[in-house]
Protein backbone atom coordinates (compact mmCIF):
# COMPACT_ATOMS: atom_id res chain seq x y z
CA MET A 1 8.21 -0.81 7.10
CA ALA A 2 10.17 -0.33 3.88
CA SER A 3 8.74 2.98 2.69
CA THR A 4 11.04 5.96 3.03
CA LYS A 5 8.09 8.37 3.20
CA ILE A 6 4.80 8.36 5.09
CA LEU A 7 2.90 8.36 1.79
CA GLY A 8 4.36 5.01 0.72
CA ALA A 9 3.72 3.48 4.14
CA VAL A 10 0.07 4.54 4.09
CA LYS A 11 -0.46 3.26 0.53
CA THR A 12 1.05 -0.13 1.37
CA THR A 13 -1.06 -0.41 4.51
CA ILE A 14 -4.24 0.39 2.58
CA THR A 15 -3.44 -2.26 -0.04
CA PHE A 16 -3.11 -5.09 2.46
CA ARG A 17 -5.78 -3.82 4.85
CA ASN A 18 -8.44 -3.83 2.15
CA LEU A 19 -7.63 -7.45 1.30
CA VAL A 20 -8.08 -8.49 4.92
CA VAL A 21 -10.79 -6.18 6.30
CA LYS A 22 -14.19 -6.50 4.65
CA GLY A 23 -17.09 -4.07 4.91
CA MET A 24 -15.04 -0.95 5.56
CA PRO A 25 -12.69 -0.29 2.60
CA THR A 26 -10.32 2.67 2.70
CA LYS A 27 -8.64 4.68 -0.05
CA LEU A 28 -6.22 7.56 -0.50
CA GLU A 29 -6.88 10.18 -3.18
CA GLN A 30 -4.82 13.19 -4.22
CA SER A 31 -6.31 16.58 -5.04
CA PRO A 32 -5.01 20.17 -5.24
CA GLU A 33 -5.79 20.46 -1.51
CA GLY A 34 -3.63 17.47 -0.56
CA TYR A 35 -4.37 13.81 0.21
CA THR A 36 -7.75 12.57 1.40
CA TYR A 37 -7.90 9.32 3.37
CA SER A 38 -11.48 8.09 3.35
CA VAL A 39 -13.46 5.19 4.79
CA ASP A 40 -16.51 3.65 3.15
CA CYS A 41 -18.76 1.70 5.51
CA ILE A 42 -21.40 -0.91 4.69
CA SER A 43 -23.83 0.82 7.05
CA ASP A 44 -24.52 4.19 8.65
CA ALA A 45 -26.05 2.51 11.68
CA PRO A 46 -24.98 4.11 14.99
CA ALA A 47 -23.23 0.87 16.01
CA PHE A 48 -20.64 1.51 13.29
CA HIS A 49 -19.86 5.11 14.26
CA PRO A 50 -17.25 4.28 16.94
CA LEU A 51 -15.54 1.85 14.54
CA ILE A 52 -15.28 4.49 11.83
CA GLU A 53 -13.90 7.06 14.26
CA LEU A 54 -11.38 4.47 15.47
CA GLU A 55 -10.31 3.79 11.88
CA LEU A 56 -9.66 7.47 11.17
CA ALA A 57 -7.86 7.97 14.49
CA ALA A 58 -5.72 4.89 13.78
CA CYS A 59 -4.65 6.36 10.44
CA ILE A 60 -3.41 9.51 12.17
CA ARG A 61 -1.65 7.50 14.85
CA PHE A 62 0.00 5.30 12.23
CA ALA A 63 1.31 8.32 10.32
CA LYS A 64 2.85 9.62 13.52
CA LEU A 65 4.38 6.26 14.42
CA CYS A 66 6.04 6.12 11.00
CA THR A 67 8.25 8.99 12.15
CA GLN A 68 8.75 7.54 15.66
CA THR A 69 7.43 10.77 17.14
CA ALA A 70 3.89 9.69 17.91
CA ASP A 71 3.35 12.19 20.70
CA ALA A 72 5.68 15.02 19.75
CA TYR A 73 5.05 15.21 15.99
CA PRO A 74 2.02 17.44 15.26
CA LEU A 75 0.38 16.34 12.02
CA ASN A 76 -1.09 19.30 10.21
CA ILE A 77 -4.59 17.99 9.50
CA LYS A 78 -6.65 20.33 7.36
CA ARG A 79 -10.03 18.70 7.84
CA VAL A 80 -11.77 15.71 9.41
CA SER A 81 -15.24 14.86 8.13
CA LEU A 82 -17.79 12.56 9.77
CA ARG A 83 -21.19 11.66 8.39
CA HIS A 84 -22.75 11.31 11.83
CA CYS A 85 -23.38 13.58 14.82
CA PRO A 86 -20.84 13.69 17.67
CA ILE A 87 -21.08 10.73 20.03
CA ALA A 88 -18.76 12.32 22.62
CA PRO A 89 -17.86 15.87 23.70
CA VAL A 90 -16.24 17.76 20.82
CA ARG A 91 -13.14 18.48 22.92
CA HIS A 92 -12.25 14.77 22.75
CA TYR A 93 -12.37 14.87 18.94
CA GLN A 94 -10.15 17.95 19.01
CA ARG A 95 -7.62 16.12 21.18
CA ILE A 96 -7.53 12.97 19.04
CA PHE A 97 -7.72 14.49 15.56
CA GLY A 98 -5.98 17.78 16.23
CA CYS A 99 -8.92 19.77 14.85
CA PRO A 100 -12.70 19.87 15.36
CA PRO A 101 -14.41 17.56 12.84
CA THR A 102 -17.12 18.61 10.43
CA PHE A 103 -20.13 16.55 11.52
CA ASN A 104 -23.04 15.44 9.32
CA ALA A 105 -20.69 15.66 6.34
CA SER A 106 -20.99 13.71 3.10
CA THR A 107 -17.91 11.53 3.75
CA TYR A 108 -15.84 9.86 6.45
CA SER A 109 -12.43 11.30 5.68
CA ILE A 110 -9.24 13.07 6.71
CA LEU A 111 -7.60 15.74 4.54
CA LEU A 112 -3.86 16.29 4.93
CA PRO A 113 -1.54 18.64 3.03
CA ALA A 114 0.68 16.79 0.55
CA GLU A 115 3.84 17.84 2.38
CA GLU A 116 2.72 15.96 5.50
CA LEU A 117 2.77 12.61 3.71
CA GLU A 118 6.04 13.43 1.96
CA LYS A 119 7.89 13.50 5.29
CA PRO A 120 10.47 10.72 5.84
CA THR A 121 9.78 7.63 7.90
CA HIS A 122 12.04 6.44 10.68
CA ASN A 123 14.55 3.67 9.87
CA PRO A 124 12.74 1.77 7.06
CA ASN A 125 13.41 -1.98 7.21
CA PHE A 126 13.34 -3.57 3.74
CA GLY A 127 14.11 -7.09 4.95
CA LEU A 128 11.30 -7.13 7.50
CA TYR A 129 8.87 -5.71 4.94
CA ARG A 130 9.61 -8.51 2.50
CA LEU A 131 9.27 -11.17 5.20
CA LEU A 132 5.91 -9.81 6.34
CA GLU A 133 4.66 -9.44 2.78
CA GLU A 134 5.54 -13.08 2.09
CA LYS A 135 3.67 -14.30 5.19
CA LEU A 136 0.60 -12.20 4.45
CA SER A 137 0.59 -13.28 0.82
CA ARG A 138 0.68 -16.94 1.86
CA ALA A 139 -2.20 -16.37 4.26
CA LEU A 140 -4.26 -14.65 1.57
CA ILE A 141 -3.91 -17.61 -0.78
CA ASN A 142 -5.84 -19.85 1.61
CA ARG A 143 -8.52 -17.39 2.66
CA SER A 144 -12.06 -18.70 2.56
CA GLU A 145 -13.57 -15.28 1.77
CA GLN A 146 -14.15 -14.39 -1.85
CA ILE A 147 -11.39 -12.33 -3.39
CA SER A 148 -10.72 -11.84 -7.08
CA PHE A 149 -8.75 -14.46 -8.96
CA SER A 150 -6.20 -11.79 -9.88
CA ASP A 151 -5.67 -11.08 -6.18
CA LYS A 152 -5.17 -14.79 -5.51
CA VAL A 153 -2.54 -15.00 -8.26
CA ARG A 154 -0.95 -11.80 -7.00
CA ALA A 155 -0.78 -13.30 -3.51
CA TYR A 156 0.75 -16.54 -4.81
CA ILE A 157 3.42 -14.59 -6.68
CA GLY A 158 4.19 -12.57 -3.56
CA ALA A 159 4.44 -15.71 -1.43
CA ASN A 160 6.94 -17.41 -3.74
CA ILE A 161 9.32 -14.64 -4.78
CA PRO A 162 11.80 -15.23 -1.92
CA GLU A 163 13.01 -18.19 -4.01
CA ASN A 164 12.21 -16.93 -7.49
CA PHE A 165 9.34 -15.51 -9.48
CA PRO A 166 7.04 -18.46 -10.23
CA SER A 167 6.48 -19.32 -13.87
CA GLN A 168 3.12 -19.16 -15.58
CA GLU A 169 3.08 -22.96 -15.69
CA GLU A 170 3.73 -23.22 -11.93
CA VAL A 171 0.94 -20.79 -11.13
CA ALA A 172 -1.50 -22.58 -13.45
CA GLN A 173 -0.64 -25.92 -11.82
CA HIS A 174 -1.15 -24.47 -8.33
CA PHE A 175 -4.68 -23.37 -9.23
CA CYS A 176 -5.39 -26.66 -11.07
CA LEU A 177 -5.66 -24.93 -14.43
CA SER A 178 -4.05 -25.22 -17.81
CA VAL A 179 -1.95 -22.27 -18.93
CA SER A 180 -4.72 -21.23 -21.32
CA GLY A 181 -7.25 -21.54 -18.47
CA LEU A 182 -5.10 -19.27 -16.31
CA LYS A 183 -4.87 -16.73 -19.12
CA ASN A 184 -8.64 -16.77 -19.64
CA ARG A 185 -9.43 -16.33 -15.93
CA LEU A 186 -7.09 -13.34 -15.72
CA LYS A 187 -8.35 -11.88 -19.00
CA LYS A 188 -11.92 -11.86 -17.65
CA GLU A 189 -10.68 -9.57 -14.87
CA GLY A 190 -8.77 -7.33 -17.27
CA SER A 191 -5.36 -8.65 -16.28
CA THR A 192 -2.53 -10.88 -17.51
CA PHE A 193 0.12 -12.98 -15.82
CA ARG A 194 2.85 -10.73 -17.21
CA LYS A 195 1.10 -7.66 -15.83
CA LEU A 196 0.88 -9.15 -12.32
CA VAL A 197 4.53 -10.22 -12.32
CA ASP A 198 5.67 -6.83 -13.61
CA GLU A 199 3.54 -5.12 -10.98
CA LYS A 200 5.31 -7.09 -8.23
CA ARG A 201 8.74 -6.59 -9.81
CA PHE A 202 8.25 -2.85 -10.06
CA LYS A 203 7.06 -2.58 -6.47
CA LEU A 204 10.07 -4.54 -5.21
CA ALA A 205 12.45 -2.66 -7.49
CA GLU A 206 11.39 0.68 -6.05
CA GLN A 207 11.82 -0.58 -2.49
CA PHE A 208 15.23 -2.15 -3.19
CA ILE A 209 16.59 0.89 -5.04
CA LYS A 210 15.75 3.11 -2.08
CA ASN A 211 18.12 0.94 -0.02
CA GLU A 212 21.47 2.40 -1.05
CA ASP A 213 23.39 -0.55 0.41
CA ARG A 214 22.41 -2.68 -2.59
CA SER A 215 23.93 -2.24 -6.02
CA LEU A 216 21.64 -1.82 -9.02
CA LYS A 217 23.25 -4.87 -10.60
CA GLU A 218 22.36 -7.01 -7.56
CA ILE A 219 18.80 -5.73 -7.60
CA GLY A 220 18.33 -6.48 -11.30
CA TYR A 221 19.68 -10.01 -10.85
CA GLU A 222 17.47 -10.70 -7.84
CA LEU A 223 14.40 -9.55 -9.74
CA GLY A 224 15.13 -12.04 -12.50
CA PHE A 225 16.58 -9.83 -15.24
CA SER A 226 19.22 -11.32 -17.51
CA ASP A 227 21.44 -8.25 -17.42
CA GLN A 228 21.61 -4.66 -16.19
CA SER A 229 20.42 -3.14 -19.47
CA ALA A 230 17.24 -5.26 -19.43
CA PHE A 231 16.53 -4.10 -15.87
CA ASN A 232 17.18 -0.47 -16.85
CA ARG A 233 14.78 -0.65 -19.79
CA ALA A 234 12.02 -2.32 -17.80
CA PHE A 235 12.29 0.08 -14.87
CA LYS A 236 12.23 3.11 -17.16
CA ARG A 237 9.12 1.71 -18.86
CA TRP A 238 7.44 1.38 -15.44
CA ASN A 239 8.66 4.56 -13.81
CA GLY A 240 9.80 6.97 -16.52
CA LEU A 241 13.27 7.10 -14.93
CA ASN A 242 16.07 4.55 -15.08
CA PRO A 243 17.14 2.95 -11.76
CA GLY A 244 20.10 5.30 -11.28
CA GLN A 245 17.99 8.39 -11.87
CA PHE A 246 15.29 7.12 -9.50
CA ARG A 247 17.85 6.46 -6.76
CA SER A 248 19.35 9.93 -7.22
CA THR A 249 15.89 11.51 -7.01
CA GLU A 250 15.06 9.62 -3.81
CA THR A 251 18.40 10.55 -2.25
CA THR A 252 17.90 14.22 -3.11
CA ASP A 253 14.34 14.24 -1.75
CA ASN A 254 15.48 12.73 1.54
């Protein structure tokens, strides 16, 4: 895990989970009440009810494991909603979720106060995160299931950045397209090659900057920027803060 806060860890997990797991997508939404983690299922058939409950319970367990206090750390869960009737004694739900669920609700979801997901994670490992992301990205490229072309390009970029960011020509060649063909395929999905590369650069930049052992100059060079000022301008365009300001903010928050 490379995220310094539970929120980042959950968001990253959702991103990759939804690429791999079909039929039960998850999302995280913010509201004045806090963050709502919700599950959408392809069916409300009773056979799916245990799977949905397991998914919600796994989210809570994961959030606890991020702090390495899975049993001792009491997550303050405001509400758990289930669209079905209880399939076990309510006391078991209370024990697993930390509160009695609302049954026959309109959603499958968990509501947590914002401050719960802002808590720090235990010992984030940036190197391991990048290694795992590379392996998963490579696996996604060769998946037989239908995913969007933008996701395939995104996965190819992620799989090749340990050496360098691939060029537009390299990506087009990999997918047996001309450069103009690549542009047209991405345009149909409302994306561009530059947008996908910048998206990956920004994500990595945030993770690297949070690791105070690395200088900003090193990070800019590794992400393919010609000089520090170019990196500063790009990061400020993405984030609203320059790299130094972002690092200071993260240090203060933690």
